[in-house]
C-alpha atoms as a PDB file:
ATOM      1  CA  MET A   1       0.000   0.000   0.000  1.00  0.00           C
ATOM      2  CA  ASN A   2       1.423   3.430  -0.889  1.00  0.00           C
ATOM      3  CA  VAL A   3       1.380   6.436   1.467  1.00  0.00           C
ATOM      4  CA  LEU A   4      -1.757   7.963  -0.091  1.00  0.00           C
ATOM      5  CA  ASP A   5      -3.650   4.679   0.301  1.00  0.00           C
ATOM      6  CA  LEU A   6      -2.556   4.422   3.943  1.00  0.00           C
ATOM      7  CA  ILE A   7      -3.685   7.977   4.737  1.00  0.00           C
ATOM      8  CA  VAL A   8      -7.039   7.427   3.005  1.00  0.00           C
ATOM      9  CA  LYS A   9      -7.516   4.241   5.049  1.00  0.00           C
ATOM     10  CA  ALA A  10      -6.610   6.139   8.237  1.00  0.00           C
ATOM     11  CA  ILE A  11      -9.177   8.820   7.406  1.00  0.00           C
ATOM     12  CA  GLN A  12     -11.919   6.339   6.566  1.00  0.00           C
ATOM     13  CA  GLU A  13     -11.342   4.256   9.704  1.00  0.00           C
ATOM     14  CA  LYS A  14     -10.190   7.084  12.019  1.00  0.00           C
ATOM     15  CA  LEU A  15      -6.799   5.470  12.655  1.00  0.00           C
ATOM     16  CA  ILE A  16      -3.720   7.038  14.196  1.00  0.00           C
ATOM     17  CA  VAL A  17      -0.736   7.617  11.916  1.00  0.00           C
ATOM     18  CA  THR A  18       2.809   7.296  13.198  1.00  0.00           C
ATOM     19  CA  ALA A  19       5.436   8.431  10.703  1.00  0.00           C
ATOM     20  CA  THR A  20       8.668  10.340  10.255  1.00  0.00           C
ATOM     21  CA  TYR A  21       8.434  13.832   8.746  1.00  0.00           C
ATOM     22  CA  GLN A  22      11.350  16.281   8.579  1.00  0.00           C
ATOM     23  CA  ASN A  23      13.447  13.908  10.739  1.00  0.00           C
ATOM     24  CA  CYS A  24      10.871  13.895  13.540  1.00  0.00           C
ATOM     25  CA  LEU A  25       8.669  11.022  14.684  1.00  0.00           C
ATOM     26  CA  ARG A  26       5.095  12.289  14.627  1.00  0.00           C
ATOM     27  CA  ILE A  27       1.911  10.777  16.024  1.00  0.00           C
ATOM     28  CA  MET A  28      -1.169  12.298  14.458  1.00  0.00           C
ATOM     29  CA  CYS A  29      -4.663  11.902  13.043  1.00  0.00           C
ATOM     30  CA  PRO A  30      -5.309  12.781   9.382  1.00  0.00           C
ATOM     31  CA  HIS A  31      -8.421  14.826   8.605  1.00  0.00           C
ATOM     32  CA  VAL A  32      -8.155  15.575   4.878  1.00  0.00           C
ATOM     33  CA  VAL A  33      -5.879  14.475   2.052  1.00  0.00           C
ATOM     34  CA  GLY A  34      -5.685  15.674  -1.534  1.00  0.00           C
ATOM     35  CA  TYR A  35      -3.912  17.906  -4.004  1.00  0.00           C
ATOM     36  CA  LYS A  36      -2.844  21.528  -3.567  1.00  0.00           C
ATOM     37  CA  HIS A  37      -2.161  23.484  -6.771  1.00  0.00           C
ATOM     38  CA  ASP A  38       0.435  26.244  -6.933  1.00  0.00           C
ATOM     39  CA  LYS A  39       0.344  29.242  -9.300  1.00  0.00           C
ATOM     40  CA  ARG A  40       2.143  27.252 -12.026  1.00  0.00           C
ATOM     41  CA  GLY A  41      -0.466  24.497 -11.865  1.00  0.00           C
ATOM     42  CA  THR A  42       1.816  21.987 -10.178  1.00  0.00           C
ATOM     43  CA  ALA A  43      -0.067  19.718  -7.781  1.00  0.00           C
ATOM     44  CA  THR A  44       1.379  18.586  -4.444  1.00  0.00           C
ATOM     45  CA  LEU A  45      -0.180  15.795  -2.430  1.00  0.00           C
ATOM     46  CA  ASN A  46      -0.913  17.243   1.028  1.00  0.00           C
ATOM     47  CA  ALA A  47      -2.674  16.076   4.152  1.00  0.00           C
ATOM     48  CA  LEU A  48      -3.975  18.052   7.089  1.00  0.00           C
ATOM     49  CA  PHE A  49      -3.192  16.216  10.323  1.00  0.00           C
ATOM     50  CA  PHE A  50      -3.814  16.947  13.969  1.00  0.00           C
ATOM     51  CA  GLN A  51      -0.505  16.084  15.661  1.00  0.00           C
ATOM     52  CA  PHE A  52      -1.053  15.213  19.302  1.00  0.00           C
ATOM     53  CA  SER A  53       2.229  13.517  20.238  1.00  0.00           C
ATOM     54  CA  GLY A  54       5.741  12.855  19.048  1.00  0.00           C
ATOM     55  CA  GLN A  55       8.372  15.337  17.981  1.00  0.00           C
ATOM     56  CA  SER A  56       8.446  18.573  16.017  1.00  0.00           C
ATOM     57  CA  ASN A  57      11.166  20.904  14.805  1.00  0.00           C
ATOM     58  CA  ARG A  58       9.107  23.862  16.043  1.00  0.00           C
ATOM     59  CA  GLY A  59       7.441  22.210  19.022  1.00  0.00           C
ATOM     60  CA  PHE A  60       3.724  22.211  19.585  1.00  0.00           C
ATOM     61  CA  PRO A  61       1.391  23.241  22.390  1.00  0.00           C
ATOM     62  CA  PRO A  62      -0.019  20.836  24.986  1.00  0.00           C
ATOM     63  CA  GLY A  63      -2.982  19.035  23.473  1.00  0.00           C
ATOM     64  CA  GLY A  64      -1.641  19.189  19.929  1.00  0.00           C
ATOM     65  CA  GLN A  65      -1.609  21.304  16.792  1.00  0.00           C
ATOM     66  CA  TRP A  66      -2.744  21.222  13.157  1.00  0.00           C
ATOM     67  CA  ARG A  67      -0.047  20.298  10.621  1.00  0.00           C
ATOM     68  CA  CYS A  68      -0.102  20.459   6.837  1.00  0.00           C
ATOM     69  CA  ILE A  69       2.235  17.745   5.615  1.00  0.00           C
ATOM     70  CA  HIS A  70       3.520  16.929   2.121  1.00  0.00           C
ATOM     71  CA  LEU A  71       2.941  13.207   1.695  1.00  0.00           C
ATOM     72  CA  ASP A  72       6.086  12.753  -0.392  1.00  0.00           C
ATOM     73  CA  GLU A  73       8.109  13.673   2.714  1.00  0.00           C
ATOM     74  CA  LEU A  74       6.494  11.055   4.995  1.00  0.00           C
ATOM     75  CA  SER A  75       8.331   7.808   5.699  1.00  0.00           C
ATOM     76  CA  GLY A  76       7.822   4.776   7.907  1.00  0.00           C
ATOM     77  CA  VAL A  77       4.049   5.257   7.927  1.00  0.00           C
ATOM     78  CA  LYS A  78       2.219   2.951  10.356  1.00  0.00           C
ATOM     79  CA  LEU A  79      -1.484   2.885  11.222  1.00  0.00           C
ATOM     80  CA  THR A  80      -2.854   1.941  14.628  1.00  0.00           C
ATOM     81  CA  ARG A  81      -6.179   1.996  16.400  1.00  0.00           C
ATOM     82  CA  GLY A  82      -6.561   4.311  19.356  1.00  0.00           C
ATOM     83  CA  GLU A  83      -8.207   7.470  20.602  1.00  0.00           C
ATOM     84  CA  TRP A  84      -8.973   9.806  17.702  1.00  0.00           C
ATOM     85  CA  HIS A  85      -7.696  13.370  18.171  1.00  0.00           C
ATOM     86  CA  THR A  86      -8.902  16.566  16.554  1.00  0.00           C
ATOM     87  CA  GLY A  87      -8.626  20.265  17.210  1.00  0.00           C
ATOM     88  CA  PRO A  88     -11.395  22.434  18.654  1.00  0.00           C
ATOM     89  CA  ASP A  89     -11.617  24.344  15.364  1.00  0.00           C
ATOM     90  CA  HIS A  90     -12.075  21.359  13.023  1.00  0.00           C
ATOM     91  CA  ALA A  91     -15.097  22.944  11.309  1.00  0.00           C
ATOM     92  CA  ARG A  92     -13.024  25.951  10.207  1.00  0.00           C
ATOM     93  CA  PRO A  93     -12.356  25.887   6.440  1.00  0.00           C
ATOM     94  CA  GLN A  94      -8.902  24.674   5.443  1.00  0.00           C
ATOM     95  CA  ASN A  95      -6.771  25.897   2.523  1.00  0.00           C
ATOM     96  CA  TYR A  96      -4.124  23.152   2.429  1.00  0.00           C
ATOM     97  CA  VAL A  97      -5.978  20.938  -0.054  1.00  0.00           C
ATOM     98  CA  ASP A  98      -7.787  22.089  -3.212  1.00  0.00           C
ATOM     99  CA  ASP A  99      -8.904  18.726  -4.636  1.00  0.00           C
ATOM    100  CA  ILE A 100      -9.970  16.445  -1.796  1.00  0.00           C
ATOM    101  CA  VAL A 101      -9.325  12.699  -2.123  1.00  0.00           C
ATOM    102  CA  ALA A 102     -10.672  11.801   1.336  1.00  0.00           C
ATOM    103  CA  GLU A 103     -11.938  13.752   4.342  1.00  0.00           C
ATOM    104  CA  VAL A 104     -12.910  12.589   7.808  1.00  0.00           C
ATOM    105  CA  VAL A 105     -16.511  12.870   8.902  1.00  0.00           C
ATOM    106  CA  ILE A 106     -16.700  13.988  12.525  1.00  0.00           C
END
């Protein structure tokens, strides 16, 4: 299964994703995955995650933080069952993904 398929599965089944991103082990819940288009029309595969544990180059507040992650930079992706985490502002519109492949239903 490729990374996109794993993230879609995690969204559909509300699974926790553990993966390495920018040399940090991150534990997070994906909420939306799809393509973001830049001004030249190039599409990047992005996912909006709520990171609630693990490491970060910039740190994150207690309770967690939203993260937009480029899927091509994720490695060692593992899915596990556990308590689903989301931010208090989940209903707020996001601008990290233009063409949605999968989105969690809360």
